[in-house]
Amino acid sequence: MPDWRELYQVVIDETNPKSLELLMNDLEAAIWKRLREIDGNSNGTNERHEIAQASNKLLTLRIEKLGWPSPFRTDPLARLN
């Protein structure tokens, strides 16, 4: 599996929605794998911060490019539209 950072860049550059969704799933798997690898390692603090930023961007891309409902909307009925 490629490094999560490499996959992140591929996701950012992808324009095809079907490919994007598959790549995002691969990226999530790579991120979880890496988080397990650095769990408990105090040297991984910066990387965990990078992963948090990438995860936030991933959610934004899912909302903006794939039409996912935003978890930040305050109107619960708006999610049904």
N, C-alpha and C. Protein backbone atom coordinates (compact mmCIF):
# COMPACT_ATOMS: atom_id res chain seq x y z
N MET A 1 0.85 -1.18 0.00
CA MET A 1 0.00 0.00 0.00
C MET A 1 0.89 1.24 0.00
N PRO A 2 0.58 2.20 -0.86
CA PRO A 2 1.38 3.43 -0.90
C PRO A 2 1.26 4.22 0.40
N ASP A 3 2.23 5.06 0.63
CA ASP A 3 2.22 5.95 1.78
C ASP A 3 0.97 6.81 1.74
N TRP A 4 0.39 7.10 2.89
CA TRP A 4 -0.85 7.87 2.93
C TRP A 4 -0.67 9.24 2.30
N ARG A 5 0.52 9.83 2.43
CA ARG A 5 0.76 11.16 1.85
C ARG A 5 0.70 11.11 0.32
N GLU A 6 1.22 10.04 -0.26
CA GLU A 6 1.17 9.88 -1.72
C GLU A 6 -0.29 9.74 -2.18
N LEU A 7 -1.04 8.93 -1.47
CA LEU A 7 -2.45 8.76 -1.81
C LEU A 7 -3.23 10.06 -1.63
N TYR A 8 -2.89 10.81 -0.61
CA TYR A 8 -3.56 12.08 -0.37
C TYR A 8 -3.38 13.00 -1.58
N GLN A 9 -2.16 13.08 -2.10
CA GLN A 9 -1.91 13.94 -3.26
C GLN A 9 -2.67 13.46 -4.48
N VAL A 10 -2.76 12.14 -4.65
CA VAL A 10 -3.53 11.58 -5.77
C VAL A 10 -5.01 11.97 -5.63
N VAL A 11 -5.53 11.87 -4.42
CA VAL A 11 -6.93 12.24 -4.16
C VAL A 11 -7.16 13.72 -4.49
N ILE A 12 -6.27 14.57 -4.05
CA ILE A 12 -6.40 16.01 -4.29
C ILE A 12 -6.44 16.31 -5.79
N ASP A 13 -5.65 15.57 -6.55
CA ASP A 13 -5.54 15.83 -7.99
C ASP A 13 -6.63 15.16 -8.84
N GLU A 14 -7.35 14.19 -8.27
CA GLU A 14 -8.33 13.42 -9.04
C GLU A 14 -9.58 14.25 -9.36
N THR A 15 -10.07 14.12 -10.58
CA THR A 15 -11.27 14.86 -10.99
C THR A 15 -12.46 13.95 -11.29
N ASN A 16 -12.23 12.66 -11.51
CA ASN A 16 -13.30 11.72 -11.81
C ASN A 16 -13.97 11.27 -10.51
N PRO A 17 -15.27 11.57 -10.32
CA PRO A 17 -15.94 11.23 -9.06
C PRO A 17 -15.88 9.74 -8.70
N LYS A 18 -16.03 8.85 -9.68
CA LYS A 18 -16.00 7.41 -9.36
C LYS A 18 -14.60 6.99 -8.90
N SER A 19 -13.58 7.46 -9.58
CA SER A 19 -12.21 7.17 -9.17
C SER A 19 -11.90 7.82 -7.83
N LEU A 20 -12.42 9.03 -7.64
CA LEU A 20 -12.17 9.76 -6.41
C LEU A 20 -12.68 9.00 -5.19
N GLU A 21 -13.88 8.46 -5.30
CA GLU A 21 -14.44 7.72 -4.17
C GLU A 21 -13.59 6.50 -3.82
N LEU A 22 -13.15 5.77 -4.81
CA LEU A 22 -12.29 4.61 -4.56
C LEU A 22 -10.96 5.02 -3.95
N LEU A 23 -10.38 6.08 -4.47
CA LEU A 23 -9.11 6.57 -3.95
C LEU A 23 -9.26 7.06 -2.51
N MET A 24 -10.38 7.71 -2.21
CA MET A 24 -10.62 8.17 -0.84
C MET A 24 -10.70 6.99 0.12
N ASN A 25 -11.33 5.91 -0.31
CA ASN A 25 -11.39 4.71 0.54
C ASN A 25 -10.00 4.14 0.77
N ASP A 26 -9.17 4.12 -0.27
CA ASP A 26 -7.79 3.65 -0.12
C ASP A 26 -7.01 4.55 0.82
N LEU A 27 -7.23 5.86 0.69
CA LEU A 27 -6.55 6.81 1.56
C LEU A 27 -6.94 6.60 3.02
N GLU A 28 -8.22 6.42 3.27
CA GLU A 28 -8.67 6.17 4.65
C GLU A 28 -8.01 4.92 5.23
N ALA A 29 -7.93 3.87 4.43
CA ALA A 29 -7.30 2.63 4.90
C ALA A 29 -5.82 2.87 5.21
N ALA A 30 -5.14 3.63 4.36
CA ALA A 30 -3.72 3.92 4.57
C ALA A 30 -3.52 4.78 5.82
N ILE A 31 -4.44 5.72 6.04
CA ILE A 31 -4.35 6.57 7.24
C ILE A 31 -4.54 5.73 8.49
N TRP A 32 -5.55 4.86 8.50
CA TRP A 32 -5.78 4.01 9.69
C TRP A 32 -4.59 3.09 9.93
N LYS A 33 -4.03 2.55 8.87
CA LYS A 33 -2.85 1.69 9.01
C LYS A 33 -1.70 2.46 9.65
N ARG A 34 -1.47 3.66 9.15
CA ARG A 34 -0.37 4.47 9.68
C ARG A 34 -0.64 4.89 11.12
N LEU A 35 -1.86 5.22 11.46
CA LEU A 35 -2.17 5.59 12.84
C LEU A 35 -1.89 4.43 13.80
N ARG A 36 -2.20 3.22 13.36
CA ARG A 36 -1.88 2.04 14.19
C ARG A 36 -0.37 1.88 14.35
N GLU A 37 0.38 2.18 13.31
CA GLU A 37 1.83 2.05 13.36
C GLU A 37 2.47 3.05 14.32
N ILE A 38 1.92 4.25 14.38
CA ILE A 38 2.54 5.28 15.23
C ILE A 38 1.86 5.42 16.59
N ASP A 39 0.87 4.58 16.87
CA ASP A 39 0.17 4.63 18.14
C ASP A 39 1.15 4.49 19.30
N GLY A 40 1.08 5.42 20.23
CA GLY A 40 1.93 5.36 21.40
C GLY A 40 3.34 5.88 21.18
N ASN A 41 3.66 6.29 19.98
CA ASN A 41 4.99 6.80 19.66
C ASN A 41 4.95 8.32 19.77
N SER A 42 5.67 8.88 20.72
CA SER A 42 5.65 10.33 20.92
C SER A 42 6.29 11.06 19.74
N ASN A 43 7.07 10.37 18.94
CA ASN A 43 7.69 10.99 17.76
C ASN A 43 6.68 11.20 16.63
N GLY A 44 5.49 10.64 16.76
CA GLY A 44 4.50 10.73 15.71
C GLY A 44 3.55 11.91 15.84
N THR A 45 3.83 12.82 16.77
CA THR A 45 2.92 13.94 17.03
C THR A 45 2.69 14.80 15.79
N ASN A 46 3.75 15.16 15.10
CA ASN A 46 3.60 15.99 13.90
C ASN A 46 2.82 15.26 12.82
N GLU A 47 3.11 13.98 12.66
CA GLU A 47 2.40 13.22 11.64
C GLU A 47 0.93 13.07 11.98
N ARG A 48 0.61 12.89 13.25
CA ARG A 48 -0.81 12.82 13.65
C ARG A 48 -1.52 14.14 13.33
N HIS A 49 -0.82 15.24 13.50
CA HIS A 49 -1.39 16.55 13.14
C HIS A 49 -1.62 16.63 11.63
N GLU A 50 -0.67 16.17 10.85
CA GLU A 50 -0.82 16.14 9.39
C GLU A 50 -2.01 15.27 8.99
N ILE A 51 -2.14 14.13 9.64
CA ILE A 51 -3.24 13.22 9.34
C ILE A 51 -4.58 13.86 9.68
N ALA A 52 -4.64 14.58 10.80
CA ALA A 52 -5.88 15.27 11.17
C ALA A 52 -6.26 16.29 10.12
N GLN A 53 -5.28 17.04 9.63
CA GLN A 53 -5.56 18.03 8.58
C GLN A 53 -6.02 17.34 7.30
N ALA A 54 -5.36 16.26 6.93
CA ALA A 54 -5.74 15.52 5.72
C ALA A 54 -7.14 14.93 5.87
N SER A 55 -7.48 14.44 7.04
CA SER A 55 -8.81 13.88 7.28
C SER A 55 -9.89 14.95 7.16
N ASN A 56 -9.61 16.14 7.67
CA ASN A 56 -10.56 17.24 7.53
C ASN A 56 -10.76 17.61 6.06
N LYS A 57 -9.67 17.65 5.31
CA LYS A 57 -9.76 17.95 3.88
C LYS A 57 -10.53 16.84 3.15
N LEU A 58 -10.31 15.60 3.54
CA LEU A 58 -11.00 14.47 2.95
C LEU A 58 -12.51 14.59 3.14
N LEU A 59 -12.93 14.96 4.34
CA LEU A 59 -14.35 15.16 4.59
C LEU A 59 -14.90 16.30 3.74
N THR A 60 -14.15 17.38 3.63
CA THR A 60 -14.57 18.52 2.81
C THR A 60 -14.74 18.09 1.35
N LEU A 61 -13.80 17.30 0.85
CA LEU A 61 -13.89 16.82 -0.53
C LEU A 61 -15.10 15.91 -0.73
N ARG A 62 -15.38 15.06 0.24
CA ARG A 62 -16.55 14.18 0.15
C ARG A 62 -17.84 15.01 0.07
N ILE A 63 -17.90 16.07 0.84
CA ILE A 63 -19.08 16.94 0.85
C ILE A 63 -19.18 17.71 -0.46
N GLU A 64 -18.08 18.33 -0.86
CA GLU A 64 -18.10 19.22 -2.03
C GLU A 64 -18.10 18.49 -3.37
N LYS A 65 -17.36 17.39 -3.47
CA LYS A 65 -17.22 16.72 -4.77
C LYS A 65 -18.12 15.50 -4.93
N LEU A 66 -18.48 14.87 -3.82
CA LEU A 66 -19.30 13.65 -3.91
C LEU A 66 -20.72 13.84 -3.39
N GLY A 67 -21.01 15.04 -2.90
CA GLY A 67 -22.37 15.34 -2.47
C GLY A 67 -22.78 14.76 -1.12
N TRP A 68 -21.80 14.41 -0.30
CA TRP A 68 -22.14 13.93 1.04
C TRP A 68 -22.80 15.04 1.83
N PRO A 69 -23.72 14.69 2.74
CA PRO A 69 -24.32 15.72 3.58
C PRO A 69 -23.28 16.24 4.58
N SER A 70 -23.35 17.52 4.85
CA SER A 70 -22.40 18.11 5.79
C SER A 70 -22.83 17.80 7.23
N PRO A 71 -21.90 17.29 8.04
CA PRO A 71 -22.24 17.05 9.45
C PRO A 71 -22.27 18.35 10.26
N PHE A 72 -21.92 19.46 9.62
CA PHE A 72 -21.82 20.73 10.31
C PHE A 72 -23.09 21.56 10.20
N ARG A 73 -24.04 21.11 9.40
CA ARG A 73 -25.31 21.85 9.27
C ARG A 73 -26.08 21.73 10.56
N THR A 74 -26.69 22.81 10.97
CA THR A 74 -27.41 22.80 12.24
C THR A 74 -28.87 22.40 12.10
N ASP A 75 -29.41 22.47 10.89
CA ASP A 75 -30.81 22.11 10.65
C ASP A 75 -30.90 20.63 10.32
N PRO A 76 -31.43 19.79 11.25
CA PRO A 76 -31.46 18.34 10.99
C PRO A 76 -32.31 17.97 9.78
N LEU A 77 -33.32 18.76 9.45
CA LEU A 77 -34.15 18.46 8.29
C LEU A 77 -33.43 18.78 6.98
N ALA A 78 -32.45 19.66 7.02
CA ALA A 78 -31.71 20.02 5.81
C ALA A 78 -30.94 18.82 5.27
N ARG A 79 -30.59 17.88 6.11
CA ARG A 79 -29.86 16.69 5.67
C ARG A 79 -30.73 15.78 4.82
N LEU A 80 -32.03 15.92 4.96
CA LEU A 80 -32.95 15.07 4.22
C LEU A 80 -33.19 15.58 2.80
N ASN A 81 -32.82 16.80 2.53
CA ASN A 81 -33.04 17.40 1.20
C ASN A 81 -31.92 17.06 0.26
